[in-house]
Protein backbone atom coordinates (compact mmCIF):
# COMPACT_ATOMS: atom_id res chain seq x y z
CA MET A 1 67.00 69.26 -8.33
CA THR A 2 65.38 69.95 -4.98
CA LEU A 3 66.14 72.79 -2.62
CA THR A 4 66.00 72.44 1.15
CA LEU A 5 65.52 75.48 3.34
CA TYR A 6 65.24 75.77 7.08
CA GLY A 7 62.73 77.80 8.98
CA VAL A 8 62.59 78.62 12.67
CA THR A 9 59.45 78.22 14.71
CA SER A 10 58.31 80.65 17.39
CA ASP A 11 60.00 78.55 20.05
CA GLY A 12 63.32 78.55 18.18
CA THR A 13 63.10 75.06 16.62
CA SER A 14 64.69 74.68 13.19
CA VAL A 15 62.34 73.01 10.68
CA PRO A 16 63.43 71.88 7.19
CA ILE A 17 61.37 73.07 4.23
CA GLU A 18 61.93 71.31 0.93
CA VAL A 19 61.08 72.78 -2.47
CA THR A 20 60.51 69.95 -4.98
CA ASP A 21 61.16 70.02 -8.72
CA ASP A 22 57.49 70.68 -9.48
CA GLY A 23 57.39 73.66 -7.10
CA LYS A 24 55.73 72.04 -4.06
CA LEU A 25 56.72 72.83 -0.48
CA VAL A 26 57.28 69.85 1.82
CA VAL A 27 57.58 70.60 5.54
CA ASP A 28 58.91 67.93 7.91
CA THR A 29 57.58 68.48 11.43
CA SER A 30 57.96 64.89 12.59
CA GLY A 31 60.34 65.94 15.33
CA VAL A 32 58.32 68.90 16.50
CA SER A 33 55.41 68.64 18.92
CA ASP A 34 52.14 70.58 18.53
CA TYR A 35 52.55 70.80 14.75
CA VAL A 36 50.68 69.03 12.00
CA LYS A 37 52.44 65.92 10.75
CA GLN A 38 51.61 63.62 7.85
CA GLY A 39 48.75 61.32 8.82
CA ASP A 40 47.42 63.61 11.56
CA ASP A 41 43.73 64.54 11.79
CA VAL A 42 43.11 68.22 11.21
CA GLU A 43 40.30 70.21 12.81
CA PHE A 44 39.34 73.46 11.08
CA GLY A 45 37.23 76.23 12.46
CA THR A 46 36.64 77.87 9.10
CA GLY A 47 38.39 77.07 5.87
CA ASP A 48 38.12 78.39 2.34
CA PHE A 49 39.42 76.31 -0.57
CA ASP A 50 39.57 77.42 -4.18
CA GLY A 51 40.81 74.07 -5.48
CA ASN A 52 40.03 70.40 -4.97
CA ILE A 53 40.28 68.54 -1.68
CA ASP A 54 41.27 64.90 -2.02
CA VAL A 55 40.50 62.70 0.97
CA ASP A 56 41.21 58.97 1.16
CA GLY A 57 39.36 58.53 4.46
CA LYS A 58 36.18 59.85 6.03
CA ILE A 59 35.04 63.44 6.44
CA THR A 60 33.17 64.05 9.69
CA ALA A 61 31.22 67.28 10.11
CA GLY A 62 29.31 68.35 13.17
CA GLY A 63 27.37 71.00 11.25
CA ARG A 64 25.97 71.45 7.80
CA ILE A 65 27.93 70.91 4.62
CA GLN A 66 26.77 73.60 2.23
CA THR A 67 27.60 73.96 -1.44
CA SER A 68 26.45 76.23 -4.22
CA ALA A 69 27.08 73.49 -6.80
CA ASP A 70 26.12 69.83 -7.19
CA ILE A 71 27.28 67.11 -4.83
CA TYR A 72 28.73 64.53 -7.21
CA LEU A 73 29.30 60.98 -5.97
CA PRO A 74 30.96 58.97 -8.74
CA SER A 75 31.67 55.30 -8.18
CA SER A 76 34.18 53.46 -10.34
CA SER A 77 33.12 50.10 -8.84
CA GLY A 78 29.36 50.64 -9.05
CA SER A 79 29.00 49.86 -5.34
CA GLY A 80 29.24 53.36 -3.87
CA GLY A 81 26.33 55.63 -3.14
CA LEU A 82 24.60 57.89 -0.65
CA ALA A 83 23.74 56.28 2.68
CA ILE A 84 21.97 58.10 5.51
CA TYR A 85 21.68 56.26 8.83
CA ASN A 86 19.79 57.02 12.01
CA ASN A 87 22.22 56.17 14.81
CA SER A 88 19.95 57.36 17.63
CA GLY A 89 18.92 53.83 18.52
CA THR A 90 15.20 54.49 18.08
CA SER A 91 13.00 54.82 15.01
CA SER A 92 12.52 58.38 13.82
CA SER A 93 9.87 60.01 11.66
CA LYS A 94 12.09 63.01 10.99
CA ASN A 95 13.31 63.80 7.52
CA ALA A 96 16.45 62.11 6.30
CA ILE A 97 16.15 63.95 2.98
CA ALA A 98 14.15 67.13 2.44
CA ILE A 99 13.91 69.04 -0.84
CA SER A 100 12.26 72.42 -1.22
CA ASP A 101 11.66 74.52 -4.31
CA ILE A 102 11.90 77.68 -2.18
CA GLY A 103 15.09 79.13 -0.75
CA GLY A 104 13.67 79.30 2.78
CA GLY A 105 13.03 75.56 2.82
CA THR A 106 9.26 75.77 3.41
CA PRO A 107 7.13 74.19 2.12
CA LYS A 108 8.90 70.94 1.26
CA SER A 109 8.31 69.43 -2.16
CA ILE A 110 9.87 66.03 -1.30
CA GLU A 111 10.32 64.47 2.14
CA LEU A 112 11.90 61.09 2.91
CA THR A 113 11.86 60.10 6.57
CA TYR A 114 14.10 57.70 8.45
CA ASP A 115 11.24 55.29 9.18
CA GLY A 116 10.39 54.90 5.48
CA ASP A 117 7.63 57.41 4.75
CA ALA A 118 7.78 59.54 1.61
CA LYS A 119 5.82 62.62 0.62
CA PHE A 120 5.76 64.21 -2.82
CA LYS A 121 4.06 67.51 -3.55
CA GLY A 122 3.97 66.73 -7.26
CA GLY A 123 3.31 63.63 -9.32
CA VAL A 124 5.31 60.40 -9.31
CA SER A 125 6.18 58.83 -12.67
CA ALA A 126 7.69 55.39 -13.22
CA ASP A 127 8.65 53.58 -16.41
CA GLY A 128 8.44 50.22 -14.64
CA PRO A 129 5.82 48.67 -12.32
CA LEU A 130 5.11 50.10 -8.88
CA THR A 131 4.94 47.37 -6.24
CA ILE A 132 3.14 48.18 -2.98
CA GLY A 133 3.33 45.68 -0.14
CA GLY A 134 0.75 47.45 2.01
CA VAL A 135 -2.56 49.21 1.42
CA ALA A 136 -2.73 51.81 -1.34
CA SER A 137 -5.15 54.64 -0.60
CA VAL A 138 -6.14 57.93 -2.19
CA ASP A 139 -7.67 60.69 -0.06
CA ARG A 140 -8.21 63.95 -1.91
CA GLY A 141 -10.46 65.39 0.79
CA VAL A 142 -13.44 65.87 -1.56
CA ASP A 143 -16.58 63.82 -2.34
CA ASP A 144 -17.40 64.98 -5.86
CA ASP A 145 -17.08 63.19 -9.21
CA SER A 146 -13.49 64.33 -9.79
CA ALA A 147 -10.95 61.58 -10.49
CA ALA A 148 -9.17 59.86 -7.62
CA TYR A 149 -7.49 57.29 -9.85
CA TYR A 150 -7.41 56.80 -13.59
CA VAL A 151 -5.67 54.71 -16.25
CA GLN A 152 -4.89 56.00 -19.69
CA ASN A 153 -3.23 54.78 -22.87
CA SER A 154 -2.42 56.37 -26.21
CA SER A 155 -6.13 56.97 -26.89
CA GLY A 156 -6.83 58.70 -23.57
CA VAL A 157 -8.40 57.73 -20.23
CA VAL A 158 -9.79 54.18 -20.36
CA SER A 159 -10.81 53.67 -16.71
CA ARG A 160 -11.49 56.06 -13.87
CA LEU A 161 -12.44 55.86 -10.19
CA ASN A 162 -14.01 59.01 -8.79
CA CYS A 163 -13.97 60.52 -5.31
CA ASN A 164 -17.72 59.94 -4.85
CA GLY A 165 -17.39 56.19 -5.49
CA SER A 166 -18.54 56.13 -9.11
CA ALA A 167 -16.43 54.54 -11.84
CA THR A 168 -16.26 54.52 -15.63
CA PHE A 169 -14.65 51.98 -17.96
CA THR A 170 -14.34 52.19 -21.73
CA GLY A 171 -13.56 48.47 -22.10
CA ASP A 172 -15.13 45.21 -20.94
CA VAL A 173 -15.87 44.69 -17.25
CA VAL A 174 -15.60 41.17 -15.85
CA ILE A 175 -16.83 40.34 -12.34
CA GLY A 176 -16.43 37.18 -10.28
CA SER A 177 -19.16 35.33 -8.43
CA LYS A 178 -18.09 32.23 -6.48
CA ASN A 179 -16.56 29.93 -9.10
CA SER A 180 -17.97 31.75 -12.12
CA THR A 181 -16.83 34.75 -14.11
CA TRP A 182 -19.33 37.10 -15.68
CA LEU A 183 -18.88 39.62 -18.45
CA ILE A 184 -21.03 42.76 -18.36
CA ARG A 185 -22.12 43.56 -21.89
CA GLU A 186 -24.54 46.20 -23.21
CA SER A 187 -26.73 45.76 -26.26
CA ASN A 188 -29.24 48.39 -27.42
CA GLY A 189 -29.44 49.93 -23.96
CA VAL A 190 -29.83 46.61 -22.14
CA ALA A 191 -27.07 45.43 -19.78
CA MET A 192 -26.58 41.67 -19.55
CA LEU A 193 -24.35 39.30 -17.60
CA ILE A 194 -22.74 36.58 -19.70
CA GLU A 195 -21.06 33.68 -17.92
CA GLN A 196 -17.54 33.08 -19.16
CA THR A 197 -15.47 29.92 -19.13
CA ARG A 198 -12.22 31.61 -20.06
CA ARG A 199 -10.27 33.96 -17.82
CA GLY A 200 -7.54 36.48 -18.30
CA ALA A 201 -7.42 39.97 -19.73
CA ARG A 202 -6.04 38.83 -23.07
CA GLU A 203 -8.93 36.42 -23.61
CA LEU A 204 -11.57 39.11 -23.29
CA ARG A 205 -11.16 39.84 -26.98
CA GLU A 206 -12.15 36.25 -27.80
CA PHE A 207 -15.57 36.36 -26.12
CA GLU A 208 -18.47 35.54 -28.38
CA LYS A 209 -20.62 38.34 -29.74
CA VAL A 210 -23.58 39.22 -27.51
CA ARG A 211 -27.00 38.33 -28.90
CA ASP A 212 -29.14 41.32 -29.84
CA LEU A 213 -32.26 40.26 -27.94
CA PRO A 214 -34.38 43.36 -28.63
CA ASN A 215 -33.76 42.97 -32.36
CA GLU A 216 -34.56 39.26 -32.20
CA LEU A 217 -37.86 40.04 -30.43
CA ASP A 218 -38.68 42.54 -33.15
CA LEU A 219 -38.11 39.82 -35.75
CA VAL A 220 -40.36 37.43 -33.83
CA GLU A 221 -43.09 40.07 -33.60
CA ALA A 222 -42.80 40.78 -37.31
CA ALA A 223 -43.06 37.06 -38.08
CA LEU A 224 -46.17 36.68 -35.88
CA ASN A 225 -47.76 39.69 -37.54
CA GLU A 226 -47.07 38.09 -40.92
CA VAL A 227 -48.67 34.81 -39.79
CA MET A 228 -51.72 36.59 -38.37
CA SER A 229 -52.03 38.62 -41.57
CA ARG A 230 -51.97 35.52 -43.73
CA LEU A 231 -54.53 33.84 -41.46
CA LYS A 232 -56.58 37.04 -41.48
CA MET A 233 -56.35 37.22 -37.69
CA VAL A 234 -56.29 40.38 -35.59
CA PRO A 235 -55.69 40.79 -31.85
CA PRO A 236 -59.02 40.78 -29.93
CA ALA A 237 -60.18 44.21 -28.89
CA GLY A 238 -59.08 45.18 -25.40
CA TRP A 239 -56.13 42.81 -25.26
CA PRO A 240 -53.01 44.44 -23.90
CA VAL A 241 -50.14 44.58 -26.37
CA TRP A 242 -46.64 44.38 -24.88
CA ASP A 243 -44.39 47.11 -26.20
CA GLY A 244 -41.21 45.21 -25.32
CA GLN A 245 -40.23 47.60 -22.55
CA SER A 246 -42.96 47.85 -19.89
CA GLU A 247 -43.66 45.05 -17.40
CA VAL A 248 -45.80 42.18 -18.65
CA THR A 249 -49.44 42.40 -17.54
CA THR A 250 -51.56 39.41 -16.57
CA ASP A 251 -55.25 38.62 -16.76
CA ASN A 252 -55.57 39.44 -13.07
CA ASP A 253 -54.01 42.86 -13.73
CA ILE A 254 -56.59 43.52 -16.50
CA ALA A 255 -59.49 42.51 -14.31
């Protein structure tokens, strides 16, 4: 059962007020001017609401919308989201989104501008690949041997580029020269370039083992000493003996 009451406005107009079965008040002001009717837009100066506000259309605010809780934007269709547009007609470098870890708002920890720039005070982590269409640069403002860029895996840092231009790599280093590919390999303190016919990071593990040239020279020297010993030969006095490290001398150098 519903109950209909009648109220009188300040100008003497009688307005019906209906009380529904679930206790709601329904006011019909369709025949009264200057009163809110169903479907009208409402402009509030200040409003306080303890409950929910359900809106089927748009909410337009000329000032800030402040909340002490989260802003939750659920989408049942998976197509909704947060969109911020610059309707000024010209590109703007001002912040579209600014996040600060301090109540006063300064300094900003994250800034996203309308023209596409982004600044992060902290680190950026990604589970997937990061694709950069432009130039990627790192400027830490120092020129020491501190890291500017490094790569690490489960065992630790495996490659590192420093601010002074130096670099370290724990794995193989392959360089290109025209149509050839060269592997830098160290053996007993000697760095060598080995031309490779195969390419690709996965194939680096298949490269042949580097020859141990210093050890092979030691074996040759030992064999020559054995031959000279059997032939009862000794190096002539005054002959220079190469130690395997210094530059080779010539007869002209001796003279």
